[in-house]
N, C-alpha and C. Protein backbone atom coordinates (compact mmCIF):
# COMPACT_ATOMS: atom_id res chain seq x y z
N UNK A 1 0.78 -1.67 0.50
CA UNK A 1 -0.59 -0.19 -0.01
C UNK A 1 1.43 1.26 -0.56
N UNK A 2 1.86 1.34 1.00
CA UNK A 2 2.51 2.82 0.18
C UNK A 2 3.41 3.14 -1.18
N UNK A 3 3.13 2.46 -1.99
CA UNK A 3 3.50 3.02 -2.55
C UNK A 3 2.28 4.24 -3.86
N UNK A 4 1.17 4.23 -2.35
CA UNK A 4 0.17 5.07 -3.16
C UNK A 4 0.10 6.29 -3.14
N UNK A 5 1.06 6.61 -1.74
CA UNK A 5 0.68 8.11 -1.76
C UNK A 5 0.71 9.07 -1.62
N UNK A 6 2.02 9.68 -3.48
CA UNK A 6 1.93 10.53 -3.76
C UNK A 6 0.70 10.90 -5.25
N UNK A 7 0.46 8.86 -6.07
CA UNK A 7 -0.91 9.46 -6.26
C UNK A 7 -1.68 9.51 -6.00
N UNK A 8 -2.09 9.46 -4.99
CA UNK A 8 -3.56 9.57 -3.89
C UNK A 8 -3.38 11.41 -3.52
N UNK A 9 -2.53 11.62 -3.73
CA UNK A 9 -2.15 13.31 -3.04
C UNK A 9 -2.25 13.94 -4.80
N UNK A 10 -1.90 13.51 -5.10
CA UNK A 10 -1.94 14.21 -6.89
C UNK A 10 -3.53 14.42 -7.25
N UNK A 11 -4.29 13.15 -5.98
CA UNK A 11 -5.65 13.66 -6.92
C UNK A 11 -6.42 14.59 -5.43
N UNK A 12 -5.38 16.10 -5.34
CA UNK A 12 -5.87 17.45 -4.82
C UNK A 12 -6.72 18.07 -6.22
N UNK A 13 -5.75 17.69 -7.06
CA UNK A 13 -6.71 18.73 -8.22
C UNK A 13 -8.18 18.83 -8.27
N UNK A 14 -8.57 16.76 -7.99
CA UNK A 14 -9.79 16.51 -8.76
C UNK A 14 -10.92 17.32 -7.32
N UNK A 15 -10.90 17.68 -6.68
CA UNK A 15 -11.18 17.80 -5.14
C UNK A 15 -11.77 19.54 -5.64
N UNK A 16 -12.85 20.34 -6.26
CA UNK A 16 -13.57 21.22 -6.13
C UNK A 16 -13.57 21.82 -4.33
N UNK A 17 -13.50 22.90 -5.02
CA UNK A 17 -13.82 23.98 -3.39
C UNK A 17 -15.09 24.71 -3.78
N UNK A 18 -16.04 25.65 -3.06
CA UNK A 18 -16.81 26.94 -3.49
C UNK A 18 -17.85 25.16 -3.55
N UNK A 19 -18.15 24.57 -2.88
CA UNK A 19 -19.56 23.81 -3.75
C UNK A 19 -20.89 24.01 -4.28
N UNK A 20 -20.74 24.76 -3.24
CA UNK A 20 -22.99 25.91 -2.96
C UNK A 20 -23.05 26.34 -3.06
N UNK A 21 -21.73 27.62 -3.93
CA UNK A 21 -20.58 28.56 -4.96
C UNK A 21 -21.46 28.29 -6.21
N UNK A 22 -22.19 29.43 -7.24
CA UNK A 22 -21.83 29.67 -8.51
C UNK A 22 -20.25 30.01 -8.59
N UNK A 23 -19.23 28.85 -8.89
CA UNK A 23 -18.53 30.07 -9.49
C UNK A 23 -17.90 29.67 -11.00
N UNK A 24 -17.34 31.28 -11.24
CA UNK A 24 -17.35 31.53 -12.61
C UNK A 24 -15.36 31.20 -12.86
N UNK A 25 -14.93 30.80 -11.70
CA UNK A 25 -13.82 29.79 -12.25
C UNK A 25 -13.94 28.84 -11.11
N UNK A 26 -13.65 27.58 -11.69
CA UNK A 26 -13.54 26.37 -10.17
C UNK A 26 -12.26 26.65 -9.87
N UNK A 27 -11.98 26.05 -8.50
CA UNK A 27 -10.47 26.08 -7.41
C UNK A 27 -10.58 24.40 -7.10
N UNK A 28 -9.56 24.54 -7.39
CA UNK A 28 -9.16 22.62 -6.57
C UNK A 28 -8.39 23.62 -5.60
N UNK A 29 -8.42 21.66 -4.97
CA UNK A 29 -7.37 22.08 -3.25
C UNK A 29 -6.29 21.74 -3.39
N UNK A 30 -5.87 21.98 -5.03
CA UNK A 30 -4.23 21.49 -5.15
C UNK A 30 -3.65 22.92 -5.46
N UNK A 31 -4.46 23.50 -6.06
CA UNK A 31 -4.62 25.62 -6.20
C UNK A 31 -4.53 25.80 -5.01
N UNK A 32 -5.51 26.10 -4.50
CA UNK A 32 -5.74 26.56 -3.30
C UNK A 32 -4.84 26.11 -2.17
N UNK A 33 -4.13 24.94 -1.44
CA UNK A 33 -3.69 24.91 -0.96
C UNK A 33 -1.61 25.54 -1.35
N UNK A 34 -1.58 25.25 -2.81
CA UNK A 34 -0.32 25.99 -2.82
C UNK A 34 -0.60 27.62 -2.68
N UNK A 35 -1.65 28.00 -3.27
CA UNK A 35 -1.67 29.87 -2.65
C UNK A 35 -2.29 29.83 -1.39
N UNK A 36 -2.04 29.34 -0.19
CA UNK A 36 -2.39 28.84 1.56
C UNK A 36 -1.08 29.31 1.27
N UNK A 37 0.33 28.24 0.81
CA UNK A 37 1.43 28.29 1.71
C UNK A 37 1.83 29.36 1.01
N UNK A 38 2.00 30.79 -0.07
CA UNK A 38 2.76 31.20 -0.40
C UNK A 38 2.06 32.60 0.85
N UNK A 39 0.78 32.59 0.94
CA UNK A 39 0.09 32.83 1.98
C UNK A 39 0.70 33.39 3.21
N UNK A 40 0.99 31.67 3.62
CA UNK A 40 1.60 31.24 5.28
C UNK A 40 3.16 31.31 5.30
N UNK A 41 3.85 31.37 4.06
CA UNK A 41 5.18 32.18 4.43
C UNK A 41 5.59 33.31 4.15
N UNK A 42 4.27 33.80 3.99
CA UNK A 42 3.97 35.40 4.36
C UNK A 42 3.86 35.84 5.28
N UNK A 43 3.10 35.24 5.34
CA UNK A 43 2.63 36.24 7.12
C UNK A 43 3.51 35.97 8.38
N UNK A 44 4.46 34.68 7.68
CA UNK A 44 5.15 34.14 9.02
C UNK A 44 6.46 34.75 8.90
N UNK A 45 7.27 35.22 7.42
CA UNK A 45 8.11 36.56 7.99
C UNK A 45 7.65 37.67 8.44
N UNK A 46 6.52 38.12 7.25
CA UNK A 46 5.94 39.50 8.26
C UNK A 46 5.81 39.50 9.63
N UNK A 47 5.71 38.19 10.03
CA UNK A 47 5.47 38.09 12.58
C UNK A 47 7.01 38.35 12.69
N UNK A 48 7.44 37.42 12.15
CA UNK A 48 9.36 37.63 12.36
C UNK A 48 10.21 39.57 12.20
N UNK A 49 9.68 39.80 10.86
CA UNK A 49 10.12 41.01 10.71
C UNK A 49 10.20 41.83 11.52
N UNK A 50 8.84 42.25 11.37
CA UNK A 50 7.62 43.32 11.61
C UNK A 50 7.38 43.56 13.10
N UNK A 51 6.90 41.98 13.40
CA UNK A 51 6.45 42.20 14.94
C UNK A 51 7.56 40.99 15.97
N UNK A 52 8.98 40.96 15.60
CA UNK A 52 9.62 40.49 16.67
C UNK A 52 9.21 38.57 16.74
N UNK A 53 9.03 38.27 15.97
CA UNK A 53 8.24 36.75 16.14
C UNK A 53 9.90 35.76 15.95
N UNK A 54 9.48 35.05 16.02
CA UNK A 54 10.52 33.65 15.97
C UNK A 54 10.01 32.38 15.60
N UNK A 55 9.14 32.59 14.02
CA UNK A 55 9.00 31.01 13.87
C UNK A 55 9.16 30.94 12.22
N UNK A 56 9.31 29.33 11.78
CA UNK A 56 10.02 29.19 10.83
C UNK A 56 8.58 29.39 9.39
N UNK A 57 9.20 29.95 8.19
CA UNK A 57 8.48 30.43 7.26
C UNK A 57 8.00 29.59 6.68
N UNK A 58 9.40 28.74 6.02
CA UNK A 58 9.36 27.07 5.37
C UNK A 58 8.13 26.52 5.44
N UNK A 59 8.68 26.03 7.52
CA UNK A 59 7.95 25.26 7.72
C UNK A 59 6.00 25.06 7.78
N UNK A 60 6.21 26.56 7.97
CA UNK A 60 4.52 26.93 7.66
C UNK A 60 4.16 27.24 6.36
N UNK A 61 4.86 26.92 5.84
CA UNK A 61 4.46 26.84 3.75
C UNK A 61 4.04 24.82 3.81
N UNK A 62 4.50 24.38 4.83
CA UNK A 62 4.76 23.38 4.61
C UNK A 62 3.75 22.62 5.00
N UNK A 63 2.69 23.44 6.35
CA UNK A 63 1.86 22.53 6.52
C UNK A 63 0.43 23.09 5.60
N UNK A 64 0.51 24.96 5.21
CA UNK A 64 -0.70 24.83 4.32
C UNK A 64 -0.63 24.41 3.26
N UNK A 65 0.76 23.71 2.20
CA UNK A 65 1.02 22.84 1.82
C UNK A 65 -0.19 21.65 1.51
N UNK A 66 -0.44 20.58 2.99
CA UNK A 66 -0.85 19.78 3.47
C UNK A 66 -2.87 20.21 4.51
N UNK A 67 -2.65 21.59 4.72
CA UNK A 67 -3.66 21.60 5.48
C UNK A 67 -5.08 20.83 5.12
N UNK A 68 -4.91 21.18 3.72
CA UNK A 68 -7.17 19.93 3.26
C UNK A 68 -6.32 18.69 2.55
N UNK A 69 -5.28 17.73 2.58
CA UNK A 69 -5.15 16.91 2.33
C UNK A 69 -6.18 15.75 3.06
N UNK A 70 -6.42 15.51 3.70
CA UNK A 70 -7.43 15.27 4.33
C UNK A 70 -8.54 14.99 3.50
N UNK A 71 -9.39 15.72 2.49
CA UNK A 71 -10.06 16.37 1.55
C UNK A 71 -10.16 15.81 0.46
N UNK A 72 -8.91 14.72 0.55
CA UNK A 72 -8.34 13.95 -0.80
C UNK A 72 -9.68 12.80 -0.54
N UNK A 73 -9.95 12.09 0.79
CA UNK A 73 -10.60 11.46 0.81
C UNK A 73 -12.45 11.97 1.51
N UNK A 74 -12.81 13.21 1.62
CA UNK A 74 -13.90 13.60 2.57
C UNK A 74 -14.72 14.65 1.32
N UNK A 75 -13.57 14.73 0.29
CA UNK A 75 -14.38 16.18 -0.82
C UNK A 75 -14.50 17.10 0.80
N UNK A 76 -14.28 18.42 -0.73
CA UNK A 76 -14.34 19.55 0.39
C UNK A 76 -16.10 20.09 0.94
N UNK A 77 -16.19 20.04 2.25
CA UNK A 77 -17.27 19.84 3.10
C UNK A 77 -17.76 21.07 3.54
N UNK A 78 -18.59 22.17 2.65
CA UNK A 78 -18.53 23.61 2.64
C UNK A 78 -18.97 24.13 4.01
N UNK A 79 -18.62 24.75 4.10
CA UNK A 79 -18.47 25.40 5.52
C UNK A 79 -19.61 26.03 6.42
N UNK A 80 -20.97 26.23 5.70
CA UNK A 80 -21.90 25.89 6.41
C UNK A 80 -23.00 24.86 6.92
N UNK A 81 -22.18 23.93 6.01
CA UNK A 81 -22.61 22.26 6.16
C UNK A 81 -21.82 21.99 7.97
N UNK A 82 -20.19 22.43 7.31
CA UNK A 82 -19.40 21.52 8.57
C UNK A 82 -19.51 22.32 9.85
N UNK A 83 -19.86 23.41 9.93
CA UNK A 83 -19.72 24.38 11.05
C UNK A 83 -21.55 24.19 11.19
N UNK A 84 -22.11 23.00 10.91
CA UNK A 84 -23.63 23.52 11.91
C UNK A 84 -23.91 23.45 12.56
N UNK A 85 -23.54 22.57 13.08
CA UNK A 85 -23.93 22.95 14.85
C UNK A 85 -22.45 21.25 15.47
N UNK A 86 -21.98 20.79 16.68
CA UNK A 86 -21.13 21.00 17.31
C UNK A 86 -21.37 19.94 17.30
N UNK A 87 -22.13 18.55 16.63
CA UNK A 87 -22.51 17.49 16.56
C UNK A 87 -22.08 17.08 14.70
N UNK A 88 -22.10 17.89 13.98
CA UNK A 88 -22.24 17.74 12.63
C UNK A 88 -20.61 17.57 13.12
N UNK A 89 -19.65 18.92 13.81
CA UNK A 89 -18.18 19.56 13.34
C UNK A 89 -17.37 18.50 14.00
N UNK A 90 -18.10 17.12 15.27
CA UNK A 90 -17.43 16.41 16.38
C UNK A 90 -17.65 15.21 15.25
N UNK A 91 -18.41 15.09 14.64
CA UNK A 91 -18.67 14.20 13.75
C UNK A 91 -17.71 14.37 12.26
N UNK A 92 -17.50 15.78 11.89
CA UNK A 92 -16.81 15.75 10.64
C UNK A 92 -15.71 15.88 10.96
N UNK A 93 -14.96 16.25 11.98
CA UNK A 93 -13.28 15.69 12.29
C UNK A 93 -12.79 14.26 13.40
N UNK A 94 -14.09 13.61 13.32
CA UNK A 94 -13.38 12.70 13.24
C UNK A 94 -13.32 11.93 11.70
N UNK A 95 -14.48 12.05 11.10
CA UNK A 95 -14.51 11.63 9.41
C UNK A 95 -13.04 11.85 8.82
N UNK A 96 -12.20 13.39 8.97
CA UNK A 96 -10.66 13.81 8.66
C UNK A 96 -9.78 12.65 9.82
N UNK A 97 -9.85 12.29 11.33
CA UNK A 97 -9.13 12.03 11.24
C UNK A 97 -9.04 10.48 11.24
N UNK A 98 -9.75 9.57 10.51
CA UNK A 98 -9.90 8.55 9.98
C UNK A 98 -9.37 8.45 8.17
N UNK A 99 -9.68 10.07 8.14
CA UNK A 99 -8.94 10.01 6.00
C UNK A 99 -7.96 9.84 7.01
N UNK A 100 -7.09 11.25 7.82
CA UNK A 100 -5.93 10.42 7.35
C UNK A 100 -4.98 9.89 8.28
N UNK A 101 -6.03 8.97 8.74
CA UNK A 101 -5.00 7.98 9.39
C UNK A 101 -4.70 7.01 7.64
N UNK A 102 -6.16 6.96 6.57
CA UNK A 102 -6.19 6.14 5.55
C UNK A 102 -4.50 6.98 4.54
N UNK A 103 -4.70 8.13 4.58
CA UNK A 103 -3.51 9.03 3.95
C UNK A 103 -2.39 7.91 4.76
N UNK A 104 -2.14 7.62 5.68
CA UNK A 104 -0.77 7.94 6.65
C UNK A 104 -0.04 5.85 5.91
N UNK A 105 -1.69 6.02 6.52
CA UNK A 105 -1.45 4.03 6.04
C UNK A 105 -0.53 3.34 4.29
N UNK A 106 -0.42 4.35 3.35
CA UNK A 106 -0.36 5.04 2.07
C UNK A 106 1.20 5.28 2.41
N UNK A 107 2.11 5.14 2.70
CA UNK A 107 3.12 5.63 3.14
C UNK A 107 3.78 4.68 4.19
N UNK A 108 5.49 3.98 3.55
CA UNK A 108 6.28 3.37 4.22
C UNK A 108 6.06 4.28 5.89
N UNK A 109 6.40 2.65 6.47
CA UNK A 109 6.04 2.67 7.76
C UNK A 109 7.21 3.49 8.76
N UNK A 110 8.65 3.76 7.52
CA UNK A 110 9.26 5.23 8.64
C UNK A 110 9.24 5.74 8.13
N UNK A 111 8.39 6.60 7.07
CA UNK A 111 8.09 7.93 7.02
C UNK A 111 6.36 8.51 7.50
N UNK A 112 5.88 7.56 8.72
CA UNK A 112 3.98 8.79 8.42
C UNK A 112 4.86 8.93 9.35
N UNK A 113 5.68 8.71 10.62
CA UNK A 113 5.44 9.44 11.88
C UNK A 113 5.70 11.57 11.47
N UNK A 114 6.52 11.60 10.40
CA UNK A 114 7.19 12.69 9.39
C UNK A 114 5.91 13.72 9.47
N UNK A 115 5.36 12.33 8.84
CA UNK A 115 3.97 12.91 8.02
C UNK A 115 2.92 14.19 8.72
N UNK A 116 2.96 12.53 9.61
CA UNK A 116 1.48 13.04 10.56
C UNK A 116 1.30 14.31 11.04
N UNK A 117 2.24 15.30 11.84
CA UNK A 117 2.09 16.53 12.11
C UNK A 117 2.42 17.12 11.42
N UNK A 118 2.09 16.83 9.71
CA UNK A 118 1.94 17.62 8.75
C UNK A 118 -0.05 17.74 8.07
N UNK A 119 -0.78 17.09 8.23
CA UNK A 119 -2.00 16.46 8.15
C UNK A 119 -2.56 16.92 8.70
N UNK A 120 -2.71 17.48 10.35
CA UNK A 120 -3.24 17.50 11.62
C UNK A 120 -2.38 18.90 12.59
N UNK A 121 -3.55 19.79 13.10
CA UNK A 121 -3.03 20.24 13.97
C UNK A 121 -2.41 20.09 15.14
N UNK A 122 -1.62 20.03 16.04
CA UNK A 122 -0.69 19.25 16.76
C UNK A 122 -0.62 20.59 17.73
N UNK A 123 -0.02 20.45 19.26
CA UNK A 123 -0.52 21.27 20.06
C UNK A 123 1.39 22.32 19.72
N UNK A 124 2.26 21.20 19.36
CA UNK A 124 3.69 22.02 20.24
C UNK A 124 3.55 23.04 18.59
N UNK A 125 2.59 23.25 17.79
CA UNK A 125 3.20 23.98 16.65
C UNK A 125 1.88 25.07 16.24
N UNK A 126 0.84 25.27 17.16
CA UNK A 126 0.08 25.96 17.69
C UNK A 126 0.56 27.47 16.86
N UNK A 127 1.38 27.91 16.83
CA UNK A 127 1.48 29.17 16.80
C UNK A 127 1.19 29.19 14.84
N UNK A 128 1.85 28.07 14.94
CA UNK A 128 2.01 27.90 13.39
C UNK A 128 0.77 27.52 12.61
N UNK A 129 0.65 26.85 12.82
CA UNK A 129 -0.98 26.43 13.00
C UNK A 129 -2.34 27.46 12.50
N UNK A 130 -1.99 29.09 13.53
CA UNK A 130 -2.46 29.86 13.61
C UNK A 130 -2.47 30.67 12.15
N UNK A 131 -1.58 30.98 12.06
CA UNK A 131 -1.00 31.54 10.76
C UNK A 131 -1.16 30.70 9.20
N UNK A 132 -0.96 29.57 9.54
CA UNK A 132 -2.51 28.37 8.36
C UNK A 132 -3.41 28.94 8.55
N UNK A 133 -4.50 28.69 9.43
CA UNK A 133 -5.32 29.50 9.89
C UNK A 133 -6.14 30.60 8.60
N UNK A 134 -4.96 31.61 9.48
CA UNK A 134 -5.38 32.83 8.55
C UNK A 134 -5.23 33.21 6.83
N UNK A 135 -4.45 32.66 6.87
CA UNK A 135 -3.93 31.94 5.46
C UNK A 135 -4.90 31.90 4.90
N UNK A 136 -5.60 29.95 5.45
CA UNK A 136 -6.25 30.18 4.47
C UNK A 136 -7.75 30.56 4.30
N UNK A 137 -8.01 31.49 5.83
CA UNK A 137 -9.05 32.90 5.11
C UNK A 137 -8.60 33.56 4.15
N UNK A 138 -7.76 34.42 4.17
CA UNK A 138 -7.12 35.27 3.11
C UNK A 138 -6.32 34.65 1.52
N UNK A 139 -7.06 33.53 1.89
CA UNK A 139 -7.20 32.80 -0.33
C UNK A 139 -8.11 32.89 0.29
N UNK A 140 -9.26 32.44 0.83
CA UNK A 140 -10.86 32.17 0.83
C UNK A 140 -11.80 33.57 0.46
N UNK A 141 -10.98 35.37 0.93
CA UNK A 141 -10.86 36.09 0.46
C UNK A 141 -10.47 36.73 -0.88
N UNK A 142 -9.69 36.36 -1.02
CA UNK A 142 -8.63 36.13 -2.11
C UNK A 142 -10.11 35.85 -3.58
N UNK A 143 -10.88 34.59 -3.56
CA UNK A 143 -12.02 33.62 -4.36
C UNK A 143 -12.54 35.04 -4.49
N UNK A 144 -13.19 35.48 -2.99
CA UNK A 144 -14.58 36.08 -3.24
C UNK A 144 -14.10 37.81 -4.23
N UNK A 145 -12.70 38.12 -3.73
CA UNK A 145 -12.54 39.25 -4.65
C UNK A 145 -12.66 39.13 -6.31
N UNK A 146 -12.00 37.81 -6.58
CA UNK A 146 -11.80 37.90 -7.60
C UNK A 146 -13.04 37.96 -8.11
N UNK A 147 -13.88 36.34 -8.01
CA UNK A 147 -15.67 35.99 -8.24
C UNK A 147 -16.70 37.64 -8.41
N UNK A 148 -16.08 38.21 -7.22
CA UNK A 148 -16.67 39.97 -7.50
C UNK A 148 -16.37 40.58 -8.69
N UNK A 149 -15.32 40.66 -8.35
CA UNK A 149 -14.83 40.87 -9.70
C UNK A 149 -15.04 41.02 -11.41
N UNK A 150 -15.53 39.93 -11.12
CA UNK A 150 -16.06 38.88 -11.94
C UNK A 150 -17.22 38.38 -12.28
N UNK A 151 -18.14 40.18 -11.91
CA UNK A 151 -19.57 40.27 -11.66
C UNK A 151 -20.30 39.07 -11.25
N UNK A 152 -20.32 37.89 -10.61
CA UNK A 152 -20.42 37.12 -9.23
C UNK A 152 -20.58 37.47 -8.35
N UNK A 153 -22.55 37.57 -7.91
CA UNK A 153 -22.46 38.52 -6.65
C UNK A 153 -22.57 37.57 -5.46
N UNK A 154 -22.39 36.00 -6.32
CA UNK A 154 -22.61 34.92 -5.63
C UNK A 154 -21.98 34.61 -4.21
N UNK A 155 -20.81 35.71 -4.27
CA UNK A 155 -19.44 35.28 -3.00
C UNK A 155 -20.04 37.09 -2.34
N UNK A 156 -20.36 38.03 -2.51
CA UNK A 156 -20.19 39.18 -1.91
C UNK A 156 -21.14 38.71 -0.34
N UNK A 157 -21.59 38.46 0.35
CA UNK A 157 -21.66 37.89 1.17
C UNK A 157 -20.82 36.85 2.13
N UNK A 158 -20.36 36.27 1.48
CA UNK A 158 -19.12 35.04 1.64
C UNK A 158 -17.68 36.20 1.69
N UNK A 159 -17.57 37.36 0.92
CA UNK A 159 -16.02 38.05 1.15
C UNK A 159 -16.33 38.71 2.21
N UNK A 160 -17.83 39.43 2.91
CA UNK A 160 -17.82 40.11 4.30
C UNK A 160 -17.29 39.32 5.51
N UNK A 161 -18.60 37.93 5.27
CA UNK A 161 -18.06 37.29 6.58
C UNK A 161 -16.39 36.63 6.64
N UNK A 162 -16.45 36.62 5.39
CA UNK A 162 -14.69 36.05 5.18
C UNK A 162 -14.21 37.36 5.88
N UNK A 163 -14.21 38.47 5.12
CA UNK A 163 -13.58 39.55 6.28
C UNK A 163 -13.32 39.70 7.84
N UNK A 164 -14.61 39.44 7.91
CA UNK A 164 -14.55 39.81 9.43
C UNK A 164 -14.48 37.92 10.43
N UNK A 165 -13.86 37.18 9.22
CA UNK A 165 -13.20 36.52 10.67
C UNK A 165 -12.09 36.51 10.58
N UNK A 166 -11.11 37.34 9.01
CA UNK A 166 -10.26 36.84 9.70
C UNK A 166 -9.94 38.17 10.26
N UNK A 167 -10.47 39.66 10.76
CA UNK A 167 -11.09 40.45 11.94
C UNK A 167 -10.63 39.88 12.90
N UNK A 168 -11.35 38.70 12.93
CA UNK A 168 -11.34 38.45 13.96
C UNK A 168 -10.47 37.52 15.05
N UNK A 169 -9.82 37.28 13.49
CA UNK A 169 -8.42 36.90 14.29
C UNK A 169 -6.84 37.10 15.40
N UNK A 170 -7.44 38.02 15.08
CA UNK A 170 -6.96 39.76 16.03
C UNK A 170 -5.35 39.21 15.53
N UNK A 171 -4.38 38.64 14.38
CA UNK A 171 -3.08 38.71 13.69
C UNK A 171 -2.75 40.17 13.77
N UNK A 172 -2.01 40.42 13.95
CA UNK A 172 -1.25 41.76 13.02
C UNK A 172 -1.06 41.31 11.49
N UNK A 173 -0.22 40.11 11.65
CA UNK A 173 0.54 39.42 10.67
C UNK A 173 -0.75 39.79 10.06
N UNK A 174 -1.44 39.29 9.51
CA UNK A 174 -2.55 38.97 8.97
C UNK A 174 -3.58 40.42 7.97
N UNK A 175 -3.42 41.38 9.11
CA UNK A 175 -4.16 42.73 8.82
C UNK A 175 -3.21 43.25 7.97
N UNK A 176 -1.81 42.84 7.99
CA UNK A 176 -0.94 43.88 7.44
C UNK A 176 -1.08 43.69 6.04
N UNK A 177 -1.23 41.88 5.93
CA UNK A 177 -1.40 41.14 4.61
C UNK A 177 -3.04 41.80 3.81
N UNK A 178 -3.66 42.28 4.21
CA UNK A 178 -4.69 42.89 4.43
C UNK A 178 -4.74 43.81 3.36
N UNK A 179 -4.04 44.57 4.76
CA UNK A 179 -3.39 46.29 3.92
C UNK A 179 -3.11 47.00 2.92
N UNK A 180 -1.86 45.72 2.64
CA UNK A 180 -0.70 45.93 2.51
C UNK A 180 -0.31 45.06 0.41
N UNK A 181 -1.57 43.96 0.81
CA UNK A 181 -1.33 43.04 -0.55
C UNK A 181 -2.61 43.10 -0.80
N UNK A 182 -3.43 43.29 -0.83
CA UNK A 182 -4.91 42.30 -0.48
C UNK A 182 -5.52 43.08 -2.22
N UNK A 183 -5.37 44.19 -1.80
CA UNK A 183 -5.82 45.55 -2.36
C UNK A 183 -5.16 45.71 -4.02
N UNK A 184 -4.19 44.60 -4.60
CA UNK A 184 -3.77 44.76 -5.87
C UNK A 184 -5.03 43.28 -6.37
N UNK A 185 -5.95 42.50 -5.50
CA UNK A 185 -6.00 41.70 -6.37
C UNK A 185 -7.62 42.29 -6.92
N UNK A 186 -8.26 43.36 -6.34
CA UNK A 186 -8.75 45.09 -7.29
C UNK A 186 -8.70 45.42 -8.65
N UNK A 187 -7.16 44.47 -8.78
CA UNK A 187 -6.67 45.81 -10.45
C UNK A 187 -6.52 44.73 -11.13
N UNK A 188 -6.24 45.73 -12.50
CA UNK A 188 -6.24 45.01 -13.86
C UNK A 188 -4.64 44.59 -13.77
N UNK A 189 -4.41 43.40 -14.89
CA UNK A 189 -3.87 42.96 -14.79
C UNK A 189 -2.91 44.27 -15.11
N UNK A 190 -3.06 45.20 -16.03
CA UNK A 190 -2.00 46.30 -16.70
C UNK A 190 -1.89 47.49 -15.51
N UNK A 191 -3.08 47.33 -14.84
CA UNK A 191 -2.88 47.98 -13.10
C UNK A 191 -1.78 47.29 -12.77
N UNK A 192 -1.17 46.11 -12.05
CA UNK A 192 -0.21 45.62 -11.35
C UNK A 192 0.94 45.55 -12.15
N UNK A 193 0.75 45.63 -13.52
CA UNK A 193 1.86 46.35 -14.15
C UNK A 193 3.04 47.48 -14.76
N UNK A 194 1.87 48.34 -13.80
CA UNK A 194 2.44 49.53 -13.46
C UNK A 194 3.07 49.14 -12.26
């Protein structure tokens, strides 16, 4: 079974996000995870350089790359369903843990414990996972902005609620990213090139 891991991971490109929304452009979890990794890396650098943090930007990027990997097995359960109530959230967390165990079973025994902390939250890396969560939400905000710019009003309320959830994280590096980098997503390609 251990020969299956990377073949299964490559299936991330077939899992589309935003299933309950009309999308102008589809987004899969592979694309999303790469964007989250870029953002998480930047957030970690901002924390270190501007707020005297001491976290590993490369580790943040790596955690972000794998943060949705269980969705290869579970699919992308829409947020309103996932967080509908405590019982559903609890059951979904159990399903996620089983999916992670399944993915780990596809690895050789000597690599399993190296991958386990990449797939889900660990107490030892709480600070890093907070960065990944912020990056995940910033990526969602970018998707909302892009859809709205293309005339898709289905994302208007999602954009506002996502922005509110980013502010609620109370992470200064996320606020810096919002202020310094998000405005460029409203520009045309020609405007970005100036």
